[in-house]
Structures are given as structure tokens and as C-alpha cells.
Amino acid sequence: MTTKTKTAVAAIAAALSAAIPAAAADTIAKDQSVRNVVLVHGAFADGSGWKGVYDNLTKRGYRVTVVQNPLTSLADDVAATKRALERQDGPVILVGHSWGGTVITEAGVDPNVAGLVYVSALSPDAGETTAQQYEGFAPASEFVIETTKDGFGYVSPEKFKAGFAHDVSDADVAFMRDAQVPINMSSFGTKLENAAWRTKPSWAVIATEDKAFDQAMLIHMAERIKAKITKVSASHALFMTQPKVVADTIDQAAKAVSAKK
């Protein structure tokens, strides 16, 4: 091989090396025990909204699993989450957005779950329903749900941007609006059997411009579960629009629970 050829090969190798995704580099400390994350989406959305959080965490070396909730009942969503938890190879940080908070509250009693992260999320107690969390707080006037004849709810197309994702581009909002996954509204009336936050450490990321919940309600829920709170200027779609803040909180949770083991 000539010197020129060797130089060319070296240049190609360097270029290929630079092109390898950062996810290949494990940035987690070798002694950190919690290296798995399971992400649970909320109503009117699906797991694809976690893409930014997924990319951020995998670049740090985490193994991330995204649950696809059917949104047909609390039991069905909990079952989907438990299937994901069963596939983990060690302790997990379980994360829920919005309705996903109710799901992780029930499913999070799984022994593999080391900590919980609530992303502008609901957190009922055992024996409570999700609907009860709204009692005593101002209604979300810009978050309008339309219910079908068979009892499934969609966010009103006319109110979707204002109520769900005002900080998302018009093109992306249009796709989210037209691709939304309806939830069986009876799910909000189902009583929880478990409240994982009573025995698992919790963190909460609260969007200060969230129009789906009254701010006082979000803060009340987070304080009741004694969560470590992070606030960020964002809409209810913060799981999409603030991936670094959400991922940083998940990373903090993983490091904190690892340090206690």
C-alpha cells in the first residue's frame, strides 16, 4: 500500500469514526446501577413524542424503552407498561407524561422500578381516580376535549395548539392534532389500587405554560408526592419541546437512586 493510499484510508477511517452516533459512547459511570429508562406517554399522543428524550438519553449510554399505550383503559395501559418493565435487565427509572403519570403510579410498584419521574403528570393516590385530581382547581379552559359516541376523547382540533402545544411549529402541531390517539374517557374514573410514589423516590418536571392543567394543580400533585421539582417554560408538550430538561431530570434521578444502593 502506497503512502498516498494509506493516507486516504486513514482519512476515510477518521470520517467514519466521526460519523458513529454519540449513542455508542457510554457516558454513565461504571458503578451506576440504574441504567434503564422506560418512557410512558399520555393521552392524545403516542410514544414517538419521546424521540428527543430518547436520543438524549441513549447518547449518555442509557437503555431506553418507549411504551405504546393503547389508551383503552387504565388496566390496558398498565399492562403495556409492565410488559416493558419485564424486558429490562436491571433497575429502571419509570417516566410518565400527563395521563402517563397515572399509569406509572399504578405500574411503578414493580420491584424493578427504582424511581419515578412525572412530566407535567398526574399522580393519584391508591383508592383515588384520575378525575379526582382536578377537584378544587381552575378548569383548563383552553384544553377542550370532544367525546365520541363510544366514549373516547380527542382534543378539539380548533383548540389543539393553544391547549396542548402552543410552543410547537404550526406544521408539527397539525400533524400531532391529526395523529392524536383518543383515550377511553372512562379511564379517568378508574380507582388506582397502588401508589408507587408512596414507596419510590419521585421527581417532577412542570411546564409553567401548561394549559392542560391548572398550575396550582401541578404543583399540589408534585408536592404531595414529595417530588424534587424542576420548572421549565413550556407547553403541555414539554416531553417533546424540552427533551434536554426532561432527560437531565431522568439522569439526576438515575444517579440519585444509584448512589443510595
Protein backbone atom coordinates (compact mmCIF):
# COMPACT_ATOMS: atom_id res chain seq x y z
CA MET A 1 0.00 0.00 0.00
CA THR A 2 1.47 3.36 -1.04
CA THR A 3 1.81 6.30 1.30
CA LYS A 4 -0.95 8.13 -0.60
CA THR A 5 -3.28 5.14 -0.27
CA LYS A 6 -2.53 4.79 3.44
CA THR A 7 -3.30 8.47 3.91
CA ALA A 8 -6.60 8.10 2.05
CA VAL A 9 -7.59 5.03 4.10
CA ALA A 10 -6.75 6.86 7.32
CA ALA A 11 -8.89 9.82 6.24
CA ILE A 12 -11.84 7.55 5.44
CA ALA A 13 -11.48 5.77 8.78
CA ALA A 14 -11.42 9.09 10.61
CA ALA A 15 -14.54 10.24 8.76
CA LEU A 16 -16.38 7.03 9.56
CA SER A 17 -15.35 7.28 13.20
CA ALA A 18 -16.71 10.82 13.40
CA ALA A 19 -19.98 9.64 11.85
CA ILE A 20 -20.61 6.98 14.50
CA PRO A 21 -23.58 8.14 16.64
CA ALA A 22 -22.73 9.52 20.05
CA ALA A 23 -25.04 6.86 21.48
CA ALA A 24 -22.17 4.42 21.04
CA ALA A 25 -20.25 6.25 23.74
CA ASP A 26 -21.30 5.19 27.23
CA THR A 27 -21.20 8.27 29.47
CA ILE A 28 -22.69 6.55 32.51
CA ALA A 29 -20.30 5.88 35.38
CA LYS A 30 -19.35 2.21 35.58
CA ASP A 31 -20.58 1.97 39.17
CA GLN A 32 -24.02 3.45 38.37
CA SER A 33 -26.58 0.71 38.96
CA VAL A 34 -29.59 2.32 37.25
CA ARG A 35 -29.03 2.33 33.50
CA ASN A 36 -32.55 1.60 32.18
CA VAL A 37 -35.32 4.09 31.43
CA VAL A 38 -38.93 3.35 30.45
CA LEU A 39 -40.96 6.22 28.96
CA VAL A 40 -44.77 6.25 29.14
CA HIS A 41 -46.74 8.72 27.01
CA GLY A 42 -50.03 10.36 27.91
CA ALA A 43 -53.42 10.71 26.29
CA PHE A 44 -53.93 12.09 22.77
CA ALA A 45 -50.33 11.21 21.83
CA ASP A 46 -48.10 8.21 21.25
CA GLY A 47 -44.57 7.18 22.07
CA SER A 48 -42.98 8.98 19.11
CA GLY A 49 -43.15 12.24 21.04
CA TRP A 50 -40.35 10.95 23.27
CA LYS A 51 -37.86 10.90 20.36
CA GLY A 52 -35.82 13.86 21.62
CA VAL A 53 -35.63 12.47 25.17
CA TYR A 54 -34.77 9.03 23.77
CA ASP A 55 -31.93 10.44 21.64
CA ASN A 56 -30.52 12.46 24.54
CA LEU A 57 -30.54 9.56 26.99
CA THR A 58 -29.17 6.95 24.60
CA LYS A 59 -26.26 9.28 23.81
CA ARG A 60 -25.45 9.21 27.51
CA GLY A 61 -25.46 5.42 27.46
CA TYR A 62 -28.91 4.63 28.86
CA ARG A 63 -31.01 1.75 27.59
CA VAL A 64 -34.37 3.38 26.81
CA THR A 65 -37.69 1.66 26.13
CA VAL A 66 -40.75 3.56 24.89
CA VAL A 67 -44.18 2.18 25.80
CA GLN A 68 -47.03 2.44 23.31
CA ASN A 69 -50.17 2.77 25.42
CA PRO A 70 -53.42 1.61 23.80
CA LEU A 71 -55.30 4.22 25.87
CA THR A 72 -58.27 1.87 26.05
CA SER A 73 -58.28 1.57 29.86
CA LEU A 74 -56.02 2.09 32.84
CA ALA A 75 -55.59 -1.68 33.12
CA ASP A 76 -54.54 -1.96 29.47
CA ASP A 77 -52.01 0.86 29.75
CA VAL A 78 -50.59 -0.57 32.97
CA ALA A 79 -50.29 -3.97 31.30
CA ALA A 80 -48.39 -2.41 28.37
CA THR A 81 -46.03 -0.72 30.80
CA LYS A 82 -45.49 -3.89 32.81
CA ARG A 83 -44.57 -5.75 29.61
CA ALA A 84 -41.87 -3.16 29.01
CA LEU A 85 -40.64 -3.41 32.60
CA GLU A 86 -40.38 -7.18 32.35
CA ARG A 87 -37.94 -6.79 29.46
CA GLN A 88 -35.43 -4.72 31.45
CA ASP A 89 -32.14 -6.22 32.62
CA GLY A 90 -31.89 -4.23 35.84
CA PRO A 91 -33.37 -1.35 37.87
CA VAL A 92 -35.38 1.26 35.99
CA ILE A 93 -36.37 4.91 36.11
CA LEU A 94 -40.03 4.95 35.08
CA VAL A 95 -41.22 8.17 33.42
CA GLY A 96 -44.75 9.32 32.65
CA HIS A 97 -46.17 12.36 30.86
CA SER A 98 -49.66 13.64 31.71
CA TRP A 99 -52.00 10.60 31.86
CA GLY A 100 -48.82 8.53 31.81
CA GLY A 101 -48.31 9.71 35.37
CA THR A 102 -51.38 7.79 36.46
CA VAL A 103 -50.05 4.75 34.62
CA ILE A 104 -46.61 4.84 36.26
CA THR A 105 -48.21 5.43 39.66
CA GLU A 106 -50.01 2.09 39.32
CA ALA A 107 -47.31 0.16 37.44
CA GLY A 108 -44.38 1.62 39.37
CA VAL A 109 -44.75 -0.76 42.29
CA ASP A 110 -42.88 -3.27 40.12
CA PRO A 111 -39.70 -4.26 42.01
CA ASN A 112 -37.53 -3.26 39.04
CA VAL A 113 -38.61 0.39 39.37
CA ALA A 114 -36.09 2.40 41.36
CA GLY A 115 -37.53 5.87 40.84
CA LEU A 116 -40.34 7.80 39.16
CA VAL A 117 -40.28 10.93 37.01
CA TYR A 118 -43.54 12.84 36.43
CA VAL A 119 -43.51 15.13 33.38
CA SER A 120 -46.42 17.56 33.87
CA ALA A 121 -48.16 14.41 35.01
CA LEU A 122 -50.98 13.15 37.16
CA SER A 123 -50.25 11.25 40.37
CA PRO A 124 -53.36 9.89 42.13
CA ASP A 125 -53.16 8.00 45.39
CA ALA A 126 -54.34 4.42 45.87
CA GLY A 127 -58.14 4.43 46.04
CA GLU A 128 -58.38 7.69 44.07
CA THR A 129 -59.36 8.26 40.46
CA THR A 130 -57.55 10.46 37.99
CA ALA A 131 -60.63 12.68 37.72
CA GLN A 132 -60.44 13.47 41.43
CA GLN A 133 -57.10 15.22 40.91
CA TYR A 134 -58.91 18.10 39.17
CA GLU A 135 -61.28 18.81 42.06
CA GLY A 136 -60.83 22.23 43.63
CA PHE A 137 -58.67 23.62 40.83
CA ALA A 138 -59.42 26.01 38.00
CA PRO A 139 -60.67 24.33 34.81
CA ALA A 140 -58.36 24.24 31.80
CA SER A 141 -60.45 26.43 29.52
CA GLU A 142 -58.07 26.21 26.57
CA PHE A 143 -57.80 22.41 26.76
CA VAL A 144 -61.08 21.23 25.26
CA ILE A 145 -61.91 17.52 24.91
CA GLU A 146 -64.51 16.27 22.45
CA THR A 147 -66.04 12.87 23.24
CA THR A 148 -67.16 10.36 20.63
CA LYS A 149 -70.38 8.32 20.82
CA ASP A 150 -68.45 5.32 22.14
CA GLY A 151 -66.81 7.32 24.91
CA PHE A 152 -63.35 8.17 23.56
CA GLY A 153 -61.91 11.66 23.85
CA TYR A 154 -59.95 13.82 21.42
CA VAL A 155 -58.52 17.28 22.00
CA SER A 156 -60.61 19.73 19.97
CA PRO A 157 -58.82 20.41 16.66
CA GLU A 158 -59.57 24.13 16.99
CA LYS A 159 -58.04 24.23 20.48
CA PHE A 160 -55.18 21.77 19.98
CA LYS A 161 -52.36 24.29 19.51
CA ALA A 162 -53.48 26.63 22.30
CA GLY A 163 -54.30 23.88 24.74
CA PHE A 164 -51.67 21.24 24.04
CA ALA A 165 -48.66 22.58 22.17
CA HIS A 166 -48.52 26.35 21.67
CA ASP A 167 -44.70 26.25 21.50
CA VAL A 168 -44.63 23.74 18.63
CA SER A 169 -44.43 24.79 14.96
CA ASP A 170 -47.70 25.01 13.04
CA ALA A 171 -46.65 22.13 10.78
CA ASP A 172 -45.81 19.85 13.69
CA VAL A 173 -48.94 20.84 15.59
CA ALA A 174 -51.05 19.98 12.54
CA PHE A 175 -49.51 16.51 12.44
CA MET A 176 -49.93 15.99 16.19
CA ARG A 177 -53.54 17.15 16.00
CA ASP A 178 -54.40 14.84 13.12
CA ALA A 179 -52.44 11.87 14.50
CA GLN A 180 -53.69 12.09 18.09
CA VAL A 181 -54.66 8.87 19.83
CA PRO A 182 -58.02 9.10 21.63
CA ILE A 183 -58.38 7.87 25.19
CA ASN A 184 -61.28 5.96 26.67
CA MET A 185 -62.73 8.63 28.95
CA SER A 186 -63.88 6.05 31.47
CA SER A 187 -60.18 5.57 32.33
CA PHE A 188 -60.27 8.80 34.32
CA GLY A 189 -62.91 7.30 36.60
CA THR A 190 -60.92 4.15 37.47
CA LYS A 191 -59.63 3.92 41.03
CA LEU A 192 -55.97 3.06 41.47
CA GLU A 193 -55.00 0.03 43.52
CA ASN A 194 -51.42 1.19 44.12
CA ALA A 195 -49.49 4.42 44.50
CA ALA A 196 -45.84 3.74 43.71
CA TRP A 197 -44.79 7.22 44.79
CA ARG A 198 -45.50 6.25 48.40
CA THR A 199 -42.51 3.90 48.37
CA LYS A 200 -40.38 5.11 45.42
CA PRO A 201 -38.47 8.42 45.20
CA SER A 202 -40.04 10.84 42.74
CA TRP A 203 -39.07 13.77 40.53
CA ALA A 204 -41.37 16.17 38.68
CA VAL A 205 -40.85 18.41 35.67
CA ILE A 206 -43.56 21.06 35.47
CA ALA A 207 -44.29 23.15 32.37
CA THR A 208 -45.07 26.66 33.57
CA GLU A 209 -47.18 27.42 30.48
CA ASP A 210 -49.13 24.16 30.61
CA LYS A 211 -52.73 24.79 29.56
CA ALA A 212 -53.95 21.23 30.16
CA PHE A 213 -53.73 21.62 33.95
CA ASP A 214 -54.05 24.46 36.41
CA GLN A 215 -50.53 25.35 37.62
CA ALA A 216 -51.71 25.09 41.21
CA MET A 217 -52.87 21.55 40.50
CA LEU A 218 -49.50 20.51 39.05
CA ILE A 219 -47.61 21.97 41.99
CA HIS A 220 -50.03 20.44 44.51
CA MET A 221 -49.62 16.97 43.00
CA ALA A 222 -45.83 17.23 42.86
CA GLU A 223 -45.58 18.48 46.43
CA ARG A 224 -47.97 15.82 47.73
CA ILE A 225 -45.75 13.04 46.41
CA LYS A 226 -42.67 14.87 47.77
CA ALA A 227 -41.14 15.05 44.31
CA LYS A 228 -37.99 17.03 43.57
CA ILE A 229 -39.43 19.71 41.28
CA THR A 230 -37.94 21.28 38.14
CA LYS A 231 -39.90 24.01 36.37
CA VAL A 232 -39.46 24.90 32.71
CA SER A 233 -41.12 27.43 30.42
CA ALA A 234 -43.04 25.18 28.05
CA SER A 235 -46.47 23.96 26.96
CA HIS A 236 -48.09 20.66 27.88
CA ALA A 237 -45.99 19.17 25.06
CA LEU A 238 -42.78 19.63 27.08
CA PHE A 239 -41.98 15.93 26.64
CA MET A 240 -41.32 16.92 23.01
CA THR A 241 -40.20 20.54 23.26
CA GLN A 242 -37.89 20.31 26.29
CA PRO A 243 -36.06 16.99 25.79
CA LYS A 244 -32.83 18.13 27.49
CA VAL A 245 -34.58 19.35 30.65
CA VAL A 246 -36.59 16.13 30.86
CA ALA A 247 -33.54 13.96 30.11
CA ASP A 248 -31.43 15.85 32.67
CA THR A 249 -34.06 15.17 35.33
CA ILE A 250 -34.17 11.48 34.44
CA ASP A 251 -30.37 11.34 34.60
CA GLN A 252 -30.41 13.04 38.01
CA ALA A 253 -32.96 10.52 39.24
CA ALA A 254 -30.89 7.58 38.00
CA LYS A 255 -27.74 8.91 39.62
CA ALA A 256 -29.52 9.69 42.90
CA VAL A 257 -31.09 6.26 43.34
CA SER A 258 -27.86 4.56 42.24
CA ALA A 259 -25.94 6.45 44.93
CA LYS A 260 -28.27 5.08 47.62
CA LYS A 261 -27.74 1.45 46.66
